[in-house]
Amino acid sequence: MVIIGGGGKHYKKRKGIFSHLAGLGFSNRLALYIILFLAAGLAGGFYLALKSIQYNYSGALACWTIVFTPIGTAASIVLSQIVRKSTIENSSADGEGIKYAAAKANGFIQTGSDESPGI
């Protein structure tokens, strides 16, 4: 682990492919896992379709459709609730967003530079 710092601030550089997942909360990690699960289902359906073409199967692939339709529906419900939860968490009591509230507290003065614009 390398510590990079300046001006009293220290940033830890993480190593590894999945190290960025350590900073995510449970809900966001769950959302990523659901997306990965749906991607695996899509890849499996594509493979099944290729095999069906290869062996001249022209019937319905109902087994795959019946399994993944409710999973896709449930995933969309769960993902929409995760987005709703994040929206609520990132709003003030007045319903203002965090960035808007910070800009309001600064008197709507532009901070930062051209390379790294502020709020």
N, C-alpha and C. Protein backbone atom coordinates (compact mmCIF):
# COMPACT_ATOMS: atom_id res chain seq x y z
N MET A 1 0.84 -1.17 0.00
CA MET A 1 0.00 0.00 0.00
C MET A 1 0.89 1.23 0.00
N VAL A 2 0.60 2.16 -0.86
CA VAL A 2 1.37 3.39 -1.00
C VAL A 2 0.54 4.53 -0.46
N ILE A 3 1.17 5.38 0.34
CA ILE A 3 0.47 6.55 0.86
C ILE A 3 0.98 7.76 0.13
N ILE A 4 0.07 8.47 -0.51
CA ILE A 4 0.39 9.68 -1.25
C ILE A 4 -0.25 10.82 -0.50
N GLY A 5 0.48 11.87 -0.24
CA GLY A 5 -0.14 12.92 0.53
C GLY A 5 0.46 14.27 0.27
N GLY A 6 -0.18 15.26 0.81
CA GLY A 6 0.27 16.63 0.71
C GLY A 6 -0.72 17.51 1.44
N GLY A 7 -0.20 18.43 2.21
CA GLY A 7 -1.09 19.36 2.90
C GLY A 7 -1.92 18.70 3.99
N GLY A 8 -1.41 17.65 4.60
CA GLY A 8 -2.12 17.01 5.68
C GLY A 8 -3.14 15.97 5.24
N LYS A 9 -3.37 15.83 3.94
CA LYS A 9 -4.31 14.83 3.45
C LYS A 9 -3.53 13.61 2.98
N HIS A 10 -4.00 12.46 3.34
CA HIS A 10 -3.34 11.22 2.93
C HIS A 10 -4.35 10.36 2.18
N TYR A 11 -3.92 9.88 1.04
CA TYR A 11 -4.76 9.02 0.22
C TYR A 11 -4.08 7.67 0.12
N LYS A 12 -4.84 6.63 0.33
CA LYS A 12 -4.30 5.28 0.24
C LYS A 12 -4.59 4.73 -1.14
N LYS A 13 -3.57 4.26 -1.79
CA LYS A 13 -3.74 3.66 -3.11
C LYS A 13 -3.93 2.17 -2.91
N ARG A 14 -5.04 1.66 -3.41
CA ARG A 14 -5.36 0.24 -3.27
C ARG A 14 -4.84 -0.51 -4.48
N LYS A 15 -4.50 -1.74 -4.26
CA LYS A 15 -4.03 -2.59 -5.34
C LYS A 15 -5.03 -3.71 -5.56
N GLY A 16 -5.07 -4.20 -6.77
CA GLY A 16 -5.95 -5.32 -7.08
C GLY A 16 -7.09 -4.90 -7.98
N ILE A 17 -7.62 -5.88 -8.67
CA ILE A 17 -8.69 -5.62 -9.63
C ILE A 17 -9.99 -5.25 -8.93
N PHE A 18 -10.33 -5.92 -7.87
CA PHE A 18 -11.61 -5.71 -7.21
C PHE A 18 -11.50 -4.87 -5.95
N SER A 19 -10.39 -4.20 -5.73
CA SER A 19 -10.21 -3.43 -4.50
C SER A 19 -11.16 -2.24 -4.41
N HIS A 20 -11.64 -1.75 -5.56
CA HIS A 20 -12.56 -0.61 -5.54
C HIS A 20 -13.93 -1.00 -4.97
N LEU A 21 -14.23 -2.28 -4.92
CA LEU A 21 -15.50 -2.73 -4.36
C LEU A 21 -15.54 -2.60 -2.83
N ALA A 22 -14.35 -2.51 -2.21
CA ALA A 22 -14.30 -2.44 -0.76
C ALA A 22 -14.96 -1.17 -0.23
N GLY A 23 -14.92 -0.09 -1.01
CA GLY A 23 -15.49 1.17 -0.57
C GLY A 23 -16.98 1.30 -0.82
N LEU A 24 -17.58 0.34 -1.52
CA LEU A 24 -19.01 0.42 -1.81
C LEU A 24 -19.83 -0.10 -0.65
N GLY A 25 -21.01 0.45 -0.52
CA GLY A 25 -21.94 -0.03 0.50
C GLY A 25 -22.62 -1.30 0.03
N PHE A 26 -23.40 -1.89 0.93
CA PHE A 26 -24.06 -3.16 0.62
C PHE A 26 -25.00 -3.03 -0.57
N SER A 27 -25.80 -1.98 -0.60
CA SER A 27 -26.80 -1.83 -1.67
C SER A 27 -26.15 -1.70 -3.04
N ASN A 28 -25.11 -0.89 -3.11
CA ASN A 28 -24.44 -0.71 -4.40
C ASN A 28 -23.72 -1.99 -4.84
N ARG A 29 -23.16 -2.71 -3.89
CA ARG A 29 -22.51 -3.98 -4.22
C ARG A 29 -23.55 -5.00 -4.69
N LEU A 30 -24.72 -5.00 -4.03
CA LEU A 30 -25.81 -5.88 -4.44
C LEU A 30 -26.25 -5.56 -5.86
N ALA A 31 -26.34 -4.29 -6.19
CA ALA A 31 -26.72 -3.88 -7.55
C ALA A 31 -25.72 -4.40 -8.57
N LEU A 32 -24.43 -4.31 -8.27
CA LEU A 32 -23.42 -4.84 -9.19
C LEU A 32 -23.55 -6.35 -9.36
N TYR A 33 -23.81 -7.05 -8.28
CA TYR A 33 -23.97 -8.50 -8.36
C TYR A 33 -25.20 -8.88 -9.19
N ILE A 34 -26.28 -8.12 -9.05
CA ILE A 34 -27.48 -8.39 -9.83
C ILE A 34 -27.20 -8.18 -11.31
N ILE A 35 -26.49 -7.11 -11.64
CA ILE A 35 -26.15 -6.84 -13.04
C ILE A 35 -25.26 -7.94 -13.59
N LEU A 36 -24.29 -8.40 -12.81
CA LEU A 36 -23.42 -9.49 -13.25
C LEU A 36 -24.22 -10.78 -13.46
N PHE A 37 -25.18 -11.03 -12.58
CA PHE A 37 -26.03 -12.22 -12.71
C PHE A 37 -26.86 -12.15 -13.99
N LEU A 38 -27.44 -10.98 -14.28
CA LEU A 38 -28.21 -10.82 -15.51
C LEU A 38 -27.33 -10.93 -16.75
N ALA A 39 -26.09 -10.42 -16.66
CA ALA A 39 -25.16 -10.55 -17.78
C ALA A 39 -24.81 -12.02 -18.03
N ALA A 40 -24.63 -12.78 -16.94
CA ALA A 40 -24.36 -14.21 -17.09
C ALA A 40 -25.56 -14.92 -17.72
N GLY A 41 -26.77 -14.52 -17.35
CA GLY A 41 -27.98 -15.09 -17.94
C GLY A 41 -28.09 -14.76 -19.42
N LEU A 42 -27.73 -13.54 -19.78
CA LEU A 42 -27.75 -13.15 -21.19
C LEU A 42 -26.71 -13.93 -21.98
N ALA A 43 -25.52 -14.09 -21.42
CA ALA A 43 -24.47 -14.87 -22.09
C ALA A 43 -24.89 -16.33 -22.22
N GLY A 44 -25.51 -16.88 -21.18
CA GLY A 44 -26.00 -18.26 -21.25
C GLY A 44 -27.08 -18.43 -22.30
N GLY A 45 -27.97 -17.45 -22.41
CA GLY A 45 -29.01 -17.50 -23.44
C GLY A 45 -28.43 -17.43 -24.84
N PHE A 46 -27.41 -16.60 -25.01
CA PHE A 46 -26.75 -16.50 -26.30
C PHE A 46 -26.08 -17.83 -26.66
N TYR A 47 -25.41 -18.45 -25.70
CA TYR A 47 -24.77 -19.74 -25.93
C TYR A 47 -25.81 -20.81 -26.27
N LEU A 48 -26.93 -20.80 -25.55
CA LEU A 48 -28.00 -21.75 -25.83
C LEU A 48 -28.58 -21.54 -27.23
N ALA A 49 -28.70 -20.29 -27.64
CA ALA A 49 -29.20 -19.99 -28.99
C ALA A 49 -28.22 -20.48 -30.05
N LEU A 50 -26.93 -20.28 -29.81
CA LEU A 50 -25.93 -20.78 -30.76
C LEU A 50 -25.98 -22.30 -30.88
N LYS A 51 -26.12 -22.97 -29.76
CA LYS A 51 -26.20 -24.44 -29.79
C LYS A 51 -27.48 -24.90 -30.48
N SER A 52 -28.56 -24.16 -30.29
CA SER A 52 -29.82 -24.50 -30.96
C SER A 52 -29.67 -24.39 -32.48
N ILE A 53 -28.98 -23.37 -32.92
CA ILE A 53 -28.74 -23.19 -34.36
C ILE A 53 -27.83 -24.30 -34.87
N GLN A 54 -26.80 -24.61 -34.10
CA GLN A 54 -25.84 -25.64 -34.51
C GLN A 54 -26.51 -26.99 -34.69
N TYR A 55 -27.44 -27.33 -33.82
CA TYR A 55 -28.10 -28.64 -33.89
C TYR A 55 -29.47 -28.58 -34.57
N ASN A 56 -29.76 -27.49 -35.29
CA ASN A 56 -30.99 -27.31 -36.07
C ASN A 56 -32.26 -27.45 -35.21
N TYR A 57 -32.19 -26.99 -33.98
CA TYR A 57 -33.37 -27.00 -33.12
C TYR A 57 -34.17 -25.74 -33.41
N SER A 58 -35.42 -25.89 -33.79
CA SER A 58 -36.24 -24.74 -34.15
C SER A 58 -37.41 -24.53 -33.19
N GLY A 59 -37.39 -25.21 -32.08
CA GLY A 59 -38.47 -25.05 -31.10
C GLY A 59 -38.21 -23.86 -30.19
N ALA A 60 -39.14 -23.65 -29.29
CA ALA A 60 -39.02 -22.54 -28.34
C ALA A 60 -38.00 -22.88 -27.26
N LEU A 61 -37.35 -21.87 -26.74
CA LEU A 61 -36.42 -22.06 -25.63
C LEU A 61 -37.12 -21.64 -24.34
N ALA A 62 -38.25 -22.26 -24.10
CA ALA A 62 -39.11 -21.89 -22.98
C ALA A 62 -38.43 -22.10 -21.63
N CYS A 63 -37.58 -23.11 -21.54
CA CYS A 63 -36.92 -23.36 -20.26
C CYS A 63 -36.11 -22.15 -19.83
N TRP A 64 -35.43 -21.54 -20.78
CA TRP A 64 -34.61 -20.36 -20.46
C TRP A 64 -35.49 -19.14 -20.20
N THR A 65 -36.51 -18.96 -21.01
CA THR A 65 -37.40 -17.81 -20.87
C THR A 65 -38.16 -17.86 -19.56
N ILE A 66 -38.65 -19.03 -19.20
CA ILE A 66 -39.43 -19.18 -17.96
C ILE A 66 -38.57 -18.89 -16.74
N VAL A 67 -37.30 -19.25 -16.79
CA VAL A 67 -36.43 -19.02 -15.64
C VAL A 67 -36.01 -17.56 -15.54
N PHE A 68 -35.64 -16.93 -16.65
CA PHE A 68 -35.06 -15.59 -16.57
C PHE A 68 -36.05 -14.45 -16.64
N THR A 69 -37.28 -14.67 -17.03
CA THR A 69 -38.26 -13.58 -17.04
C THR A 69 -38.56 -13.08 -15.63
N PRO A 70 -38.89 -13.96 -14.67
CA PRO A 70 -39.13 -13.44 -13.31
C PRO A 70 -37.87 -12.89 -12.66
N ILE A 71 -36.72 -13.46 -12.99
CA ILE A 71 -35.47 -12.94 -12.43
C ILE A 71 -35.22 -11.52 -12.93
N GLY A 72 -35.46 -11.29 -14.22
CA GLY A 72 -35.29 -9.95 -14.78
C GLY A 72 -36.26 -8.95 -14.18
N THR A 73 -37.49 -9.38 -13.96
CA THR A 73 -38.49 -8.51 -13.35
C THR A 73 -38.11 -8.16 -11.91
N ALA A 74 -37.72 -9.16 -11.15
CA ALA A 74 -37.31 -8.92 -9.77
C ALA A 74 -36.07 -8.03 -9.71
N ALA A 75 -35.13 -8.25 -10.63
CA ALA A 75 -33.93 -7.43 -10.66
C ALA A 75 -34.27 -5.97 -10.96
N SER A 76 -35.19 -5.73 -11.87
CA SER A 76 -35.55 -4.35 -12.19
C SER A 76 -36.22 -3.67 -11.00
N ILE A 77 -37.02 -4.39 -10.25
CA ILE A 77 -37.65 -3.82 -9.06
C ILE A 77 -36.60 -3.49 -8.01
N VAL A 78 -35.69 -4.44 -7.76
CA VAL A 78 -34.66 -4.23 -6.75
C VAL A 78 -33.74 -3.08 -7.15
N LEU A 79 -33.32 -3.04 -8.42
CA LEU A 79 -32.43 -1.98 -8.87
C LEU A 79 -33.09 -0.61 -8.79
N SER A 80 -34.38 -0.52 -9.11
CA SER A 80 -35.06 0.77 -9.00
C SER A 80 -35.16 1.23 -7.55
N GLN A 81 -35.33 0.29 -6.63
CA GLN A 81 -35.37 0.66 -5.21
C GLN A 81 -34.00 1.08 -4.69
N ILE A 82 -32.92 0.47 -5.23
CA ILE A 82 -31.58 0.87 -4.83
C ILE A 82 -31.31 2.30 -5.30
N VAL A 83 -31.72 2.62 -6.52
CA VAL A 83 -31.55 3.99 -7.03
C VAL A 83 -32.38 4.95 -6.20
N ARG A 84 -33.60 4.57 -5.84
CA ARG A 84 -34.47 5.42 -5.01
C ARG A 84 -33.83 5.67 -3.65
N LYS A 85 -33.26 4.63 -3.06
CA LYS A 85 -32.60 4.75 -1.75
C LYS A 85 -31.41 5.69 -1.84
N SER A 86 -30.61 5.58 -2.90
CA SER A 86 -29.47 6.46 -3.07
C SER A 86 -29.90 7.91 -3.27
N THR A 87 -30.99 8.11 -3.99
CA THR A 87 -31.52 9.46 -4.19
C THR A 87 -31.95 10.07 -2.86
N ILE A 88 -32.61 9.29 -2.04
CA ILE A 88 -33.06 9.79 -0.74
C ILE A 88 -31.87 10.08 0.16
N GLU A 89 -30.86 9.20 0.16
CA GLU A 89 -29.69 9.40 1.00
C GLU A 89 -28.89 10.63 0.58
N ASN A 90 -28.92 10.99 -0.70
CA ASN A 90 -28.12 12.10 -1.20
C ASN A 90 -28.93 13.38 -1.32
N SER A 91 -29.98 13.49 -0.55
CA SER A 91 -30.81 14.70 -0.53
C SER A 91 -30.89 15.22 0.90
N SER A 92 -31.03 16.53 1.02
CA SER A 92 -31.19 17.11 2.34
C SER A 92 -32.65 16.98 2.78
N ALA A 93 -32.94 17.46 3.95
CA ALA A 93 -34.31 17.40 4.46
C ALA A 93 -35.25 18.25 3.62
N ASP A 94 -34.71 19.28 2.98
CA ASP A 94 -35.52 20.15 2.12
C ASP A 94 -35.70 19.57 0.73
N GLY A 95 -35.05 18.44 0.45
CA GLY A 95 -35.15 17.83 -0.87
C GLY A 95 -34.09 18.31 -1.84
N GLU A 96 -33.17 19.14 -1.36
CA GLU A 96 -32.10 19.63 -2.20
C GLU A 96 -31.01 18.56 -2.31
N GLY A 97 -30.35 18.52 -3.44
CA GLY A 97 -29.22 17.61 -3.60
C GLY A 97 -28.01 18.11 -2.83
N ILE A 98 -27.06 17.23 -2.58
CA ILE A 98 -25.87 17.57 -1.82
C ILE A 98 -25.05 18.64 -2.54
N LYS A 99 -24.85 18.50 -3.84
CA LYS A 99 -24.06 19.48 -4.58
C LYS A 99 -24.74 20.84 -4.61
N TYR A 100 -26.06 20.86 -4.77
CA TYR A 100 -26.79 22.12 -4.76
C TYR A 100 -26.68 22.79 -3.40
N ALA A 101 -26.82 22.02 -2.34
CA ALA A 101 -26.74 22.58 -0.99
C ALA A 101 -25.34 23.12 -0.72
N ALA A 102 -24.30 22.44 -1.20
CA ALA A 102 -22.93 22.92 -1.01
C ALA A 102 -22.71 24.21 -1.80
N ALA A 103 -23.22 24.29 -3.02
CA ALA A 103 -23.09 25.50 -3.82
C ALA A 103 -23.86 26.65 -3.18
N LYS A 104 -25.01 26.36 -2.62
CA LYS A 104 -25.83 27.38 -1.94
C LYS A 104 -25.10 27.91 -0.72
N ALA A 105 -24.44 27.01 0.02
CA ALA A 105 -23.68 27.43 1.20
C ALA A 105 -22.50 28.32 0.82
N ASN A 106 -21.91 28.11 -0.37
CA ASN A 106 -20.79 28.94 -0.84
C ASN A 106 -21.28 30.19 -1.55
N GLY A 107 -22.56 30.42 -1.59
CA GLY A 107 -23.10 31.59 -2.26
C GLY A 107 -23.05 31.45 -3.77
N PHE A 108 -23.07 30.23 -4.25
CA PHE A 108 -23.04 29.92 -5.69
C PHE A 108 -21.81 30.50 -6.38
N ILE A 109 -20.68 30.54 -5.67
CA ILE A 109 -19.42 31.00 -6.24
C ILE A 109 -18.69 29.80 -6.82
N GLN A 110 -18.21 29.94 -8.07
CA GLN A 110 -17.48 28.86 -8.74
C GLN A 110 -16.18 28.60 -8.02
N THR A 111 -15.92 27.35 -7.65
CA THR A 111 -14.66 26.96 -7.04
C THR A 111 -13.95 25.99 -7.95
N GLY A 112 -12.66 25.86 -7.78
CA GLY A 112 -11.90 24.93 -8.61
C GLY A 112 -11.20 25.68 -9.74
N SER A 113 -10.70 24.93 -10.69
CA SER A 113 -10.00 25.51 -11.82
C SER A 113 -10.61 24.97 -13.10
N ASP A 114 -10.03 25.36 -14.23
CA ASP A 114 -10.50 24.87 -15.51
C ASP A 114 -10.27 23.37 -15.66
N GLU A 115 -9.18 22.88 -15.06
CA GLU A 115 -8.86 21.47 -15.17
C GLU A 115 -9.72 20.62 -14.26
N SER A 116 -10.10 21.19 -13.14
CA SER A 116 -10.92 20.46 -12.18
C SER A 116 -12.02 21.40 -11.67
N PRO A 117 -13.10 21.52 -12.42
CA PRO A 117 -14.13 22.49 -12.04
C PRO A 117 -14.79 22.11 -10.72
N GLY A 118 -15.22 23.12 -10.03
CA GLY A 118 -15.91 22.93 -8.76
C GLY A 118 -17.38 22.66 -9.00
N ILE A 119 -18.16 22.99 -8.01
CA ILE A 119 -19.59 22.75 -8.09
C ILE A 119 -20.23 23.77 -9.00
